């Protein structure tokens, strides 16, 4: 059965009131707080239909009703309007992020900012090397037979490796190798580099080939081999701010899930470009998060997505405000990386 506009208005009012008060919502309170234009008896009938259809339920301790996962989903998809951020909030985001000195600082500022603005647990994935490009490769001579290879990605991420050369190499030869490597690899996507590295060895002058062969092995390790994806987390204490009905009365499963980086990466690291994903309650594939909601999106310079970020909290979440904040922070971080 489809719900008419009045029942949808009642559901919207129940969600908004429950999110703001943490108290189950009764028909009398709805009529007093919202201009629904009907009597409490009519609202009670509408609530009975919403309950029958599975959009609200009655917690056993109360006369009021609370939304179900299905009710929140309908609210997010059809009834809510994303709240634009206030100029003050926008300025706060800009000011907070603009002082960042390097990539680690950007990630740590971002995760703290998200937790503060949404009052939820915030999760930010470090820019994934798998989605990055080479900005520059530096070779620093440590001795005649040892080099430090420094790879700087377009996202600002830096990887370092030690290269043990098969024999002594002069400073001039190091300069030549550095030039050849950058000419071939600078600007290339990391995932596209293996054939380019192979070509470097094949095209190297005979006197540089032994050094280039050794360097190529380290280059492949640096550029291609599976890198550990890293995650930053903040705001775990926000989980304790809610009401008795949040997280079905137990934080333990949520806290256990937050300790699993694999779970967090799956939650926020697989978001499609320019979409905001909202997972509510049972929509989460992880059993420990069936009492939580997750709002996430991808971020990166321009149209390139290099990582994900998002927040996790109770299903009783301010979805319009949270979605707006997650989108805005992702946009600012992307602009920061593009300027970088």
C-alpha atoms as a PDB file:
ATOM      1  CA  UNK A   1       0.000   0.000   0.000  1.00  0.00           C
ATOM      2  CA  UNK A   2       1.387   3.452  -0.911  1.00  0.00           C
ATOM      3  CA  UNK A   3       1.476   6.110   1.782  1.00  0.00           C
ATOM      4  CA  UNK A   4      -0.389   9.368   1.137  1.00  0.00           C
ATOM      5  CA  UNK A   5       1.162  12.786   1.744  1.00  0.00           C
ATOM      6  CA  UNK A   6      -0.328  13.121   5.221  1.00  0.00           C
ATOM      7  CA  UNK A   7       1.091   9.821   6.437  1.00  0.00           C
ATOM      8  CA  UNK A   8       4.466  10.758   4.929  1.00  0.00           C
ATOM      9  CA  UNK A   9       4.275  14.086   6.801  1.00  0.00           C
ATOM     10  CA  UNK A  10       3.537  12.186  10.034  1.00  0.00           C
ATOM     11  CA  UNK A  11       6.516   9.866   9.421  1.00  0.00           C
ATOM     12  CA  UNK A  12       8.790  12.841   8.717  1.00  0.00           C
ATOM     13  CA  UNK A  13       7.645  14.502  11.960  1.00  0.00           C
ATOM     14  CA  UNK A  14       8.251  11.283  13.962  1.00  0.00           C
ATOM     15  CA  UNK A  15      11.788  10.913  12.562  1.00  0.00           C
ATOM     16  CA  UNK A  16      12.672  14.579  13.164  1.00  0.00           C
ATOM     17  CA  UNK A  17      11.259  14.583  16.716  1.00  0.00           C
ATOM     18  CA  UNK A  18      12.873  11.294  17.716  1.00  0.00           C
ATOM     19  CA  UNK A  19      16.258  12.362  16.348  1.00  0.00           C
ATOM     20  CA  UNK A  20      16.152  15.655  18.262  1.00  0.00           C
ATOM     21  CA  UNK A  21      14.575  14.479  21.565  1.00  0.00           C
ATOM     22  CA  UNK A  22      15.790  10.835  21.812  1.00  0.00           C
ATOM     23  CA  UNK A  23      12.284  10.126  23.202  1.00  0.00           C
ATOM     24  CA  UNK A  24       9.646   7.897  21.572  1.00  0.00           C
ATOM     25  CA  UNK A  25       7.050  10.141  19.918  1.00  0.00           C
ATOM     26  CA  UNK A  26       3.308  10.186  20.755  1.00  0.00           C
ATOM     27  CA  UNK A  27       0.421  11.531  18.663  1.00  0.00           C
ATOM     28  CA  UNK A  28      -0.318  14.364  21.121  1.00  0.00           C
ATOM     29  CA  UNK A  29       3.244  15.686  20.922  1.00  0.00           C
ATOM     30  CA  UNK A  30       3.178  15.488  17.103  1.00  0.00           C
ATOM     31  CA  UNK A  31      -0.001  17.579  16.890  1.00  0.00           C
ATOM     32  CA  UNK A  32       1.425  20.144  19.324  1.00  0.00           C
ATOM     33  CA  UNK A  33       4.813  20.473  17.614  1.00  0.00           C
ATOM     34  CA  UNK A  34       3.914  20.213  13.925  1.00  0.00           C
ATOM     35  CA  UNK A  35       1.295  21.944  11.793  1.00  0.00           C
ATOM     36  CA  UNK A  36      -0.273  18.698  10.558  1.00  0.00           C
ATOM     37  CA  UNK A  37      -3.754  20.236  10.311  1.00  0.00           C
ATOM     38  CA  UNK A  38      -5.539  17.181  11.745  1.00  0.00           C
ATOM     39  CA  UNK A  39      -6.710  15.911  15.121  1.00  0.00           C
ATOM     40  CA  UNK A  40      -4.692  13.618  17.438  1.00  0.00           C
ATOM     41  CA  UNK A  41      -7.163  10.812  16.645  1.00  0.00           C
ATOM     42  CA  UNK A  42      -6.386  11.084  12.909  1.00  0.00           C
ATOM     43  CA  UNK A  43      -2.659  11.134  13.652  1.00  0.00           C
ATOM     44  CA  UNK A  44      -3.112   8.012  15.821  1.00  0.00           C
ATOM     45  CA  UNK A  45      -4.811   6.246  12.890  1.00  0.00           C
ATOM     46  CA  UNK A  46      -1.978   7.306  10.562  1.00  0.00           C
ATOM     47  CA  UNK A  47       0.571   6.019  13.070  1.00  0.00           C
ATOM     48  CA  UNK A  48      -1.265   2.685  13.246  1.00  0.00           C
ATOM     49  CA  UNK A  49      -0.956   2.368   9.443  1.00  0.00           C
ATOM     50  CA  UNK A  50       2.754   3.356   9.533  1.00  0.00           C
ATOM     51  CA  UNK A  51       3.344   0.730  12.236  1.00  0.00           C
ATOM     52  CA  UNK A  52       1.476  -1.929  10.285  1.00  0.00           C
ATOM     53  CA  UNK A  53       3.554  -1.117   7.200  1.00  0.00           C
ATOM     54  CA  UNK A  54       6.788  -1.453   9.186  1.00  0.00           C
ATOM     55  CA  UNK A  55       7.913   2.198   9.173  1.00  0.00           C
ATOM     56  CA  UNK A  56       7.608   2.790  12.934  1.00  0.00           C
ATOM     57  CA  UNK A  57       7.495   0.540  15.991  1.00  0.00           C
ATOM     58  CA  UNK A  58       6.613   0.728  19.657  1.00  0.00           C
ATOM     59  CA  UNK A  59       9.514   0.136  22.059  1.00  0.00           C
ATOM     60  CA  UNK A  60       8.123  -2.076  24.827  1.00  0.00           C
ATOM     61  CA  UNK A  61       8.728   0.524  27.543  1.00  0.00           C
ATOM     62  CA  UNK A  62       6.813   3.400  26.021  1.00  0.00           C
ATOM     63  CA  UNK A  63       3.511   4.632  24.670  1.00  0.00           C
ATOM     64  CA  UNK A  64       5.298   6.532  21.901  1.00  0.00           C
ATOM     65  CA  UNK A  65       6.685   5.242  18.609  1.00  0.00           C
ATOM     66  CA  UNK A  66      10.169   5.270  17.051  1.00  0.00           C
ATOM     67  CA  UNK A  67      11.198   4.868  13.381  1.00  0.00           C
ATOM     68  CA  UNK A  68      12.392   1.488  12.094  1.00  0.00           C
ATOM     69  CA  UNK A  69      15.282   1.068   9.622  1.00  0.00           C
ATOM     70  CA  UNK A  70      12.627   1.004   6.894  1.00  0.00           C
ATOM     71  CA  UNK A  71      11.177   4.283   8.167  1.00  0.00           C
ATOM     72  CA  UNK A  72      14.595   5.954   8.174  1.00  0.00           C
ATOM     73  CA  UNK A  73      15.263   4.677   4.642  1.00  0.00           C
ATOM     74  CA  UNK A  74      12.015   6.194   3.340  1.00  0.00           C
ATOM     75  CA  UNK A  75      12.871   9.431   5.169  1.00  0.00           C
ATOM     76  CA  UNK A  76      16.355   9.594   3.591  1.00  0.00           C
ATOM     77  CA  UNK A  77      15.166   8.676   0.083  1.00  0.00           C
ATOM     78  CA  UNK A  78      11.964  10.716  -0.134  1.00  0.00           C
ATOM     79  CA  UNK A  79      11.267  13.000   2.798  1.00  0.00           C
ATOM     80  CA  UNK A  80      14.460  14.720   3.810  1.00  0.00           C
ATOM     81  CA  UNK A  81      16.092  17.733   2.216  1.00  0.00           C
ATOM     82  CA  UNK A  82      19.852  18.035   2.668  1.00  0.00           C
ATOM     83  CA  UNK A  83      20.475  21.022   4.937  1.00  0.00           C
ATOM     84  CA  UNK A  84      22.859  23.535   3.379  1.00  0.00           C
ATOM     85  CA  UNK A  85      25.749  24.357   5.706  1.00  0.00           C
ATOM     86  CA  UNK A  86      25.682  27.796   7.291  1.00  0.00           C
ATOM     87  CA  UNK A  87      28.346  30.332   6.200  1.00  0.00           C
ATOM     88  CA  UNK A  88      29.892  29.976   9.676  1.00  0.00           C
ATOM     89  CA  UNK A  89      30.172  26.181   9.274  1.00  0.00           C
ATOM     90  CA  UNK A  90      31.731  26.588   5.832  1.00  0.00           C
ATOM     91  CA  UNK A  91      34.269  29.098   7.173  1.00  0.00           C
ATOM     92  CA  UNK A  92      35.090  26.763  10.072  1.00  0.00           C
ATOM     93  CA  UNK A  93      35.798  23.875   7.660  1.00  0.00           C
ATOM     94  CA  UNK A  94      37.983  26.064   5.432  1.00  0.00           C
ATOM     95  CA  UNK A  95      39.935  27.577   8.333  1.00  0.00           C
ATOM     96  CA  UNK A  96      40.465  24.212   9.989  1.00  0.00           C
ATOM     97  CA  UNK A  97      41.734  22.468   6.864  1.00  0.00           C
ATOM     98  CA  UNK A  98      43.702  25.301   5.291  1.00  0.00           C
ATOM     99  CA  UNK A  99      46.423  25.242   7.972  1.00  0.00           C
ATOM    100  CA  UNK A 100      47.393  21.634   7.193  1.00  0.00           C
ATOM    101  CA  UNK A 101      51.129  21.215   6.577  1.00  0.00           C
ATOM    102  CA  UNK A 102      51.218  17.791   4.894  1.00  0.00           C
ATOM    103  CA  UNK A 103      49.066  14.830   3.945  1.00  0.00           C
ATOM    104  CA  UNK A 104      49.075  13.264   7.424  1.00  0.00           C
ATOM    105  CA  UNK A 105      47.976  16.602   8.841  1.00  0.00           C
ATOM    106  CA  UNK A 106      45.174  16.892   6.240  1.00  0.00           C
ATOM    107  CA  UNK A 107      43.851  13.431   7.166  1.00  0.00           C
ATOM    108  CA  UNK A 108      44.046  14.026  10.929  1.00  0.00           C
ATOM    109  CA  UNK A 109      42.416  17.441  10.701  1.00  0.00           C
ATOM    110  CA  UNK A 110      39.684  16.050   8.442  1.00  0.00           C
ATOM    111  CA  UNK A 111      38.779  13.170  10.745  1.00  0.00           C
ATOM    112  CA  UNK A 112      38.702  15.418  13.843  1.00  0.00           C
ATOM    113  CA  UNK A 113      36.622  18.023  12.035  1.00  0.00           C
ATOM    114  CA  UNK A 114      34.076  15.435  10.822  1.00  0.00           C
ATOM    115  CA  UNK A 115      33.699  14.022  14.336  1.00  0.00           C
ATOM    116  CA  UNK A 116      33.207  17.492  15.822  1.00  0.00           C
ATOM    117  CA  UNK A 117      30.705  18.712  13.220  1.00  0.00           C
ATOM    118  CA  UNK A 118      28.541  15.573  13.097  1.00  0.00           C
ATOM    119  CA  UNK A 119      29.040  14.387  16.717  1.00  0.00           C
ATOM    120  CA  UNK A 120      29.490  10.875  15.338  1.00  0.00           C
ATOM    121  CA  UNK A 121      32.455   8.545  14.843  1.00  0.00           C
ATOM    122  CA  UNK A 122      34.448   9.803  11.846  1.00  0.00           C
ATOM    123  CA  UNK A 123      36.532   7.609   9.535  1.00  0.00           C
ATOM    124  CA  UNK A 124      38.919   8.850   6.831  1.00  0.00           C
ATOM    125  CA  UNK A 125      40.879   6.612   4.474  1.00  0.00           C
ATOM    126  CA  UNK A 126      44.352   7.868   3.585  1.00  0.00           C
ATOM    127  CA  UNK A 127      44.623   8.485  -0.173  1.00  0.00           C
ATOM    128  CA  UNK A 128      44.931   5.063  -1.740  1.00  0.00           C
ATOM    129  CA  UNK A 129      48.167   4.558  -3.674  1.00  0.00           C
ATOM    130  CA  UNK A 130      46.309   2.218  -6.007  1.00  0.00           C
ATOM    131  CA  UNK A 131      44.353   5.238  -7.293  1.00  0.00           C
ATOM    132  CA  UNK A 132      47.264   7.709  -7.329  1.00  0.00           C
ATOM    133  CA  UNK A 133      49.715   8.928  -9.967  1.00  0.00           C
ATOM    134  CA  UNK A 134      53.464   9.522  -9.745  1.00  0.00           C
ATOM    135  CA  UNK A 135      54.297  13.188  -9.224  1.00  0.00           C
ATOM    136  CA  UNK A 136      58.069  12.814  -8.828  1.00  0.00           C
ATOM    137  CA  UNK A 137      60.742  10.197  -8.114  1.00  0.00           C
ATOM    138  CA  UNK A 138      63.827  11.313  -6.260  1.00  0.00           C
ATOM    139  CA  UNK A 139      67.073   9.327  -5.988  1.00  0.00           C
ATOM    140  CA  UNK A 140      69.292  10.361  -3.080  1.00  0.00           C
ATOM    141  CA  UNK A 141      72.846   8.878  -3.045  1.00  0.00           C
ATOM    142  CA  UNK A 142      73.748   7.542   0.418  1.00  0.00           C
ATOM    143  CA  UNK A 143      77.023   5.951  -0.758  1.00  0.00           C
ATOM    144  CA  UNK A 144      78.388   4.860  -4.152  1.00  0.00           C
ATOM    145  CA  UNK A 145      76.417   1.603  -3.870  1.00  0.00           C
ATOM    146  CA  UNK A 146      73.272   2.735  -1.988  1.00  0.00           C
ATOM    147  CA  UNK A 147      70.429   5.038  -2.978  1.00  0.00           C
ATOM    148  CA  UNK A 148      67.310   6.223  -1.227  1.00  0.00           C
ATOM    149  CA  UNK A 149      64.320   6.097  -3.607  1.00  0.00           C
ATOM    150  CA  UNK A 150      61.594   8.601  -2.681  1.00  0.00           C
ATOM    151  CA  UNK A 151      58.279   8.359  -4.556  1.00  0.00           C
ATOM    152  CA  UNK A 152      55.902  11.333  -4.205  1.00  0.00           C
ATOM    153  CA  UNK A 153      52.337  10.686  -5.374  1.00  0.00           C
ATOM    154  CA  UNK A 154      49.973  13.360  -6.731  1.00  0.00           C
ATOM    155  CA  UNK A 155      47.998  13.098  -3.483  1.00  0.00           C
ATOM    156  CA  UNK A 156      51.033  14.123  -1.438  1.00  0.00           C
ATOM    157  CA  UNK A 157      51.640  10.608  -0.156  1.00  0.00           C
ATOM    158  CA  UNK A 158      55.353   9.748   0.130  1.00  0.00           C
ATOM    159  CA  UNK A 159      56.967   6.279  -0.022  1.00  0.00           C
ATOM    160  CA  UNK A 160      60.663   5.615   0.633  1.00  0.00           C
ATOM    161  CA  UNK A 161      62.816   2.583  -0.180  1.00  0.00           C
ATOM    162  CA  UNK A 162      66.489   1.751   0.115  1.00  0.00           C
ATOM    163  CA  UNK A 163      68.193   0.517  -3.086  1.00  0.00           C
ATOM    164  CA  UNK A 164      71.345  -1.656  -2.785  1.00  0.00           C
ATOM    165  CA  UNK A 165      73.164  -1.304  -6.120  1.00  0.00           C
ATOM    166  CA  UNK A 166      75.210  -4.179  -7.669  1.00  0.00           C
ATOM    167  CA  UNK A 167      78.313  -1.948  -7.950  1.00  0.00           C
ATOM    168  CA  UNK A 168      79.537   1.638  -7.469  1.00  0.00           C
ATOM    169  CA  UNK A 169      77.619   4.317  -9.426  1.00  0.00           C
ATOM    170  CA  UNK A 170      78.908   7.877  -9.978  1.00  0.00           C
ATOM    171  CA  UNK A 171      76.946  11.012  -9.090  1.00  0.00           C
ATOM    172  CA  UNK A 172      76.582  11.799 -12.827  1.00  0.00           C
ATOM    173  CA  UNK A 173      75.112   8.342 -13.472  1.00  0.00           C
ATOM    174  CA  UNK A 174      72.625   8.849 -10.600  1.00  0.00           C
ATOM    175  CA  UNK A 175      71.575  12.138 -12.252  1.00  0.00           C
ATOM    176  CA  UNK A 176      71.066  10.324 -15.584  1.00  0.00           C
ATOM    177  CA  UNK A 177      69.051   7.521 -13.972  1.00  0.00           C
ATOM    178  CA  UNK A 178      66.893  10.064 -12.090  1.00  0.00           C
ATOM    179  CA  UNK A 179      66.161  11.914 -15.354  1.00  0.00           C
ATOM    180  CA  UNK A 180      65.291   8.717 -17.269  1.00  0.00           C
ATOM    181  CA  UNK A 181      63.033   7.448 -14.470  1.00  0.00           C
ATOM    182  CA  UNK A 182      61.098  10.725 -14.201  1.00  0.00           C
ATOM    183  CA  UNK A 183      60.765  11.132 -17.964  1.00  0.00           C
ATOM    184  CA  UNK A 184      59.205   7.669 -18.136  1.00  0.00           C
ATOM    185  CA  UNK A 185      57.100   7.583 -14.979  1.00  0.00           C
ATOM    186  CA  UNK A 186      56.150  11.117 -13.862  1.00  0.00           C
ATOM    187  CA  UNK A 187      52.394  11.617 -14.321  1.00  0.00           C
ATOM    188  CA  UNK A 188      51.662   7.893 -14.844  1.00  0.00           C
ATOM    189  CA  UNK A 189      48.974   6.122 -12.807  1.00  0.00           C
ATOM    190  CA  UNK A 190      50.654   3.739 -10.378  1.00  0.00           C
ATOM    191  CA  UNK A 191      48.582   0.884 -11.782  1.00  0.00           C
ATOM    192  CA  UNK A 192      49.954   1.614 -15.290  1.00  0.00           C
ATOM    193  CA  UNK A 193      53.660   1.615 -14.346  1.00  0.00           C
ATOM    194  CA  UNK A 194      54.812  -2.067 -14.674  1.00  0.00           C
ATOM    195  CA  UNK A 195      55.335  -2.010 -18.480  1.00  0.00           C
ATOM    196  CA  UNK A 196      56.961   1.432 -18.185  1.00  0.00           C
ATOM    197  CA  UNK A 197      59.421   0.130 -15.572  1.00  0.00           C
ATOM    198  CA  UNK A 198      60.214  -2.838 -17.838  1.00  0.00           C
ATOM    199  CA  UNK A 199      60.845  -0.427 -20.728  1.00  0.00           C
ATOM    200  CA  UNK A 200      63.256   1.585 -18.530  1.00  0.00           C
ATOM    201  CA  UNK A 201      65.484  -1.488 -18.181  1.00  0.00           C
ATOM    202  CA  UNK A 202      65.302  -2.389 -21.869  1.00  0.00           C
ATOM    203  CA  UNK A 203      66.035   1.184 -23.037  1.00  0.00           C
ATOM    204  CA  UNK A 204      68.796   1.976 -20.508  1.00  0.00           C
ATOM    205  CA  UNK A 205      72.330   2.572 -21.917  1.00  0.00           C
ATOM    206  CA  UNK A 206      74.539  -0.516 -21.339  1.00  0.00           C
ATOM    207  CA  UNK A 207      76.621   1.170 -18.616  1.00  0.00           C
ATOM    208  CA  UNK A 208      73.451   2.018 -16.588  1.00  0.00           C
ATOM    209  CA  UNK A 209      71.620  -1.265 -17.149  1.00  0.00           C
ATOM    210  CA  UNK A 210      72.828  -3.158 -14.011  1.00  0.00           C
ATOM    211  CA  UNK A 211      71.820  -0.236 -11.754  1.00  0.00           C
ATOM    212  CA  UNK A 212      68.521   0.232 -13.618  1.00  0.00           C
ATOM    213  CA  UNK A 213      67.709  -3.498 -13.307  1.00  0.00           C
ATOM    214  CA  UNK A 214      68.161  -3.389  -9.533  1.00  0.00           C
ATOM    215  CA  UNK A 215      66.269  -0.106  -9.284  1.00  0.00           C
ATOM    216  CA  UNK A 216      63.390  -1.501 -11.351  1.00  0.00           C
ATOM    217  CA  UNK A 217      62.751  -4.269  -8.783  1.00  0.00           C
ATOM    218  CA  UNK A 218      62.499  -1.669  -5.985  1.00  0.00           C
ATOM    219  CA  UNK A 219      60.386   0.598  -8.202  1.00  0.00           C
ATOM    220  CA  UNK A 220      57.866  -2.166  -8.765  1.00  0.00           C
ATOM    221  CA  UNK A 221      57.730  -2.877  -5.036  1.00  0.00           C
ATOM    222  CA  UNK A 222      57.140   0.816  -4.363  1.00  0.00           C
ATOM    223  CA  UNK A 223      54.674   1.561  -7.135  1.00  0.00           C
ATOM    224  CA  UNK A 224      52.672  -1.604  -7.617  1.00  0.00           C
ATOM    225  CA  UNK A 225      52.814  -4.097  -4.800  1.00  0.00           C
ATOM    226  CA  UNK A 226      49.821  -4.050  -2.490  1.00  0.00           C
ATOM    227  CA  UNK A 227      50.197  -1.203  -0.062  1.00  0.00           C
ATOM    228  CA  UNK A 228      48.649  -1.243   3.317  1.00  0.00           C
ATOM    229  CA  UNK A 229      45.630   1.020   3.166  1.00  0.00           C
ATOM    230  CA  UNK A 230      45.506   3.224   6.233  1.00  0.00           C
ATOM    231  CA  UNK A 231      42.552   4.590   8.150  1.00  0.00           C
ATOM    232  CA  UNK A 232      42.189   7.463  10.635  1.00  0.00           C
ATOM    233  CA  UNK A 233      39.435   7.335  13.267  1.00  0.00           C
ATOM    234  CA  UNK A 234      38.090   9.993  15.654  1.00  0.00           C
ATOM    235  CA  UNK A 235      35.092  10.643  17.893  1.00  0.00           C
ATOM    236  CA  UNK A 236      34.554   7.155  19.343  1.00  0.00           C
ATOM    237  CA  UNK A 237      33.421   8.813  22.588  1.00  0.00           C
ATOM    238  CA  UNK A 238      30.465  10.276  20.650  1.00  0.00           C
ATOM    239  CA  UNK A 239      28.926   6.782  20.676  1.00  0.00           C
ATOM    240  CA  UNK A 240      28.098   7.250  24.368  1.00  0.00           C
ATOM    241  CA  UNK A 241      26.076  10.431  23.820  1.00  0.00           C
ATOM    242  CA  UNK A 242      22.886   8.716  22.692  1.00  0.00           C
ATOM    243  CA  UNK A 243      19.759   7.388  24.338  1.00  0.00           C
ATOM    244  CA  UNK A 244      18.984   3.956  25.752  1.00  0.00           C
ATOM    245  CA  UNK A 245      17.507   2.694  22.489  1.00  0.00           C
ATOM    246  CA  UNK A 246      20.585   3.556  20.395  1.00  0.00           C
ATOM    247  CA  UNK A 247      22.643   0.547  19.264  1.00  0.00           C
ATOM    248  CA  UNK A 248      20.030  -1.783  20.791  1.00  0.00           C
ATOM    249  CA  UNK A 249      21.438  -1.028  24.219  1.00  0.00           C
ATOM    250  CA  UNK A 250      24.990  -2.348  23.627  1.00  0.00           C
ATOM    251  CA  UNK A 251      28.069  -0.544  22.298  1.00  0.00           C
ATOM    252  CA  UNK A 252      30.290  -3.601  22.382  1.00  0.00           C
ATOM    253  CA  UNK A 253      29.591  -4.916  18.839  1.00  0.00           C
ATOM    254  CA  UNK A 254      30.112  -1.411  17.407  1.00  0.00           C
ATOM    255  CA  UNK A 255      33.431  -0.965  19.236  1.00  0.00           C
ATOM    256  CA  UNK A 256      34.597  -4.388  18.035  1.00  0.00           C
ATOM    257  CA  UNK A 257      33.745  -3.465  14.440  1.00  0.00           C
ATOM    258  CA  UNK A 258      35.648  -0.165  14.739  1.00  0.00           C
ATOM    259  CA  UNK A 259      38.805  -2.094  15.630  1.00  0.00           C
ATOM    260  CA  UNK A 260      38.707  -3.945  12.304  1.00  0.00           C
ATOM    261  CA  UNK A 261      40.405  -1.864   9.607  1.00  0.00           C
ATOM    262  CA  UNK A 262      39.109  -4.245   6.941  1.00  0.00           C
ATOM    263  CA  UNK A 263      35.539  -3.476   8.014  1.00  0.00           C
ATOM    264  CA  UNK A 264      36.137   0.282   8.011  1.00  0.00           C
ATOM    265  CA  UNK A 265      37.797   0.194   4.590  1.00  0.00           C
ATOM    266  CA  UNK A 266      34.867  -1.729   3.180  1.00  0.00           C
ATOM    267  CA  UNK A 267      32.433   0.753   4.700  1.00  0.00           C
ATOM    268  CA  UNK A 268      34.000   3.943   3.361  1.00  0.00           C
ATOM    269  CA  UNK A 269      36.622   2.890   0.808  1.00  0.00           C
ATOM    270  CA  UNK A 270      34.267   1.630  -1.886  1.00  0.00           C
ATOM    271  CA  UNK A 271      32.202   4.736  -2.521  1.00  0.00           C
ATOM    272  CA  UNK A 272      31.544   5.716  -6.123  1.00  0.00           C
ATOM    273  CA  UNK A 273      32.621   9.189  -7.319  1.00  0.00           C
ATOM    274  CA  UNK A 274      30.214  12.076  -6.543  1.00  0.00           C
ATOM    275  CA  UNK A 275      27.738   9.874  -4.666  1.00  0.00           C
ATOM    276  CA  UNK A 276      26.942   9.866  -0.982  1.00  0.00           C
ATOM    277  CA  UNK A 277      26.143   6.406   0.335  1.00  0.00           C
ATOM    278  CA  UNK A 278      23.813   5.965   3.306  1.00  0.00           C
ATOM    279  CA  UNK A 279      23.646   2.507   4.923  1.00  0.00           C
ATOM    280  CA  UNK A 280      20.960   2.171   7.601  1.00  0.00           C
ATOM    281  CA  UNK A 281      20.866  -0.575  10.238  1.00  0.00           C
ATOM    282  CA  UNK A 282      20.252  -3.955   8.634  1.00  0.00           C
ATOM    283  CA  UNK A 283      21.540  -2.698   5.277  1.00  0.00           C
ATOM    284  CA  UNK A 284      25.064  -3.044   6.731  1.00  0.00           C
ATOM    285  CA  UNK A 285      26.625  -6.349   5.706  1.00  0.00           C
ATOM    286  CA  UNK A 286      28.530  -6.627   9.015  1.00  0.00           C
ATOM    287  CA  UNK A 287      26.475  -8.129  11.842  1.00  0.00           C
ATOM    288  CA  UNK A 288      28.146  -5.908  14.445  1.00  0.00           C
ATOM    289  CA  UNK A 289      26.920  -2.782  12.660  1.00  0.00           C
ATOM    290  CA  UNK A 290      23.277  -3.762  12.238  1.00  0.00           C
ATOM    291  CA  UNK A 291      22.303  -1.179  14.867  1.00  0.00           C
ATOM    292  CA  UNK A 292      24.295   1.635  13.217  1.00  0.00           C
ATOM    293  CA  UNK A 293      24.098   3.904  10.190  1.00  0.00           C
ATOM    294  CA  UNK A 294      27.004   4.943   7.965  1.00  0.00           C
ATOM    295  CA  UNK A 295      27.153   8.010   5.699  1.00  0.00           C
ATOM    296  CA  UNK A 296      30.153   8.013   3.342  1.00  0.00           C
ATOM    297  CA  UNK A 297      31.495   9.521   0.142  1.00  0.00           C
ATOM    298  CA  UNK A 298      34.680   9.551  -1.924  1.00  0.00           C
ATOM    299  CA  UNK A 299      37.139  12.449  -2.034  1.00  0.00           C
ATOM    300  CA  UNK A 300      39.980  13.509  -4.271  1.00  0.00           C
ATOM    301  CA  UNK A 301      41.370  16.251  -6.514  1.00  0.00           C
ATOM    302  CA  UNK A 302      38.967  17.186  -9.320  1.00  0.00           C
ATOM    303  CA  UNK A 303      37.035  14.186 -10.609  1.00  0.00           C
ATOM    304  CA  UNK A 304      39.603  11.680  -9.289  1.00  0.00           C
ATOM    305  CA  UNK A 305      38.606   9.697  -6.203  1.00  0.00           C
ATOM    306  CA  UNK A 306      41.643   8.743  -4.072  1.00  0.00           C
ATOM    307  CA  UNK A 307      39.944   7.669  -0.842  1.00  0.00           C
ATOM    308  CA  UNK A 308      36.756   7.570   1.168  1.00  0.00           C
ATOM    309  CA  UNK A 309      35.521   9.350   4.261  1.00  0.00           C
ATOM    310  CA  UNK A 310      32.397   9.129   6.350  1.00  0.00           C
ATOM    311  CA  UNK A 311      30.748   8.888   9.731  1.00  0.00           C
ATOM    312  CA  UNK A 312      29.168   6.117  11.745  1.00  0.00           C
ATOM    313  CA  UNK A 313      26.500   6.585  14.399  1.00  0.00           C
ATOM    314  CA  UNK A 314      23.144   5.340  15.665  1.00  0.00           C
ATOM    315  CA  UNK A 315      20.297   4.863  13.185  1.00  0.00           C
ATOM    316  CA  UNK A 316      18.729   7.778  15.108  1.00  0.00           C
ATOM    317  CA  UNK A 317      20.906  10.186  13.133  1.00  0.00           C
ATOM    318  CA  UNK A 318      20.369  13.683  11.765  1.00  0.00           C
ATOM    319  CA  UNK A 319      20.615  12.428   8.177  1.00  0.00           C
ATOM    320  CA  UNK A 320      20.128  15.748   6.311  1.00  0.00           C
ATOM    321  CA  UNK A 321      22.757  17.520   8.430  1.00  0.00           C
ATOM    322  CA  UNK A 322      25.197  14.602   8.380  1.00  0.00           C
ATOM    323  CA  UNK A 323      24.948  14.097   4.603  1.00  0.00           C
ATOM    324  CA  UNK A 324      25.555  17.835   4.018  1.00  0.00           C
ATOM    325  CA  UNK A 325      28.592  17.878   6.322  1.00  0.00           C
ATOM    326  CA  UNK A 326      30.173  14.731   4.847  1.00  0.00           C
ATOM    327  CA  UNK A 327      29.743  16.117   1.308  1.00  0.00           C
ATOM    328  CA  UNK A 328      31.120  19.556   2.221  1.00  0.00           C
ATOM    329  CA  UNK A 329      34.189  18.209   4.041  1.00  0.00           C
ATOM    330  CA  UNK A 330      34.935  15.831   1.127  1.00  0.00           C
ATOM    331  CA  UNK A 331      34.691  18.730  -1.315  1.00  0.00           C
ATOM    332  CA  UNK A 332      37.078  20.930   0.705  1.00  0.00           C
ATOM    333  CA  UNK A 333      39.612  18.105   1.099  1.00  0.00           C
ATOM    334  CA  UNK A 334      39.442  17.477  -2.662  1.00  0.00           C
ATOM    335  CA  UNK A 335      40.085  21.179  -3.373  1.00  0.00           C
ATOM    336  CA  UNK A 336      43.014  21.137  -0.924  1.00  0.00           C
ATOM    337  CA  UNK A 337      44.571  18.109  -2.675  1.00  0.00           C
ATOM    338  CA  UNK A 338      44.036  19.757  -6.080  1.00  0.00           C
ATOM    339  CA  UNK A 339      45.882  22.915  -4.928  1.00  0.00           C
ATOM    340  CA  UNK A 340      48.615  20.724  -3.495  1.00  0.00           C
END
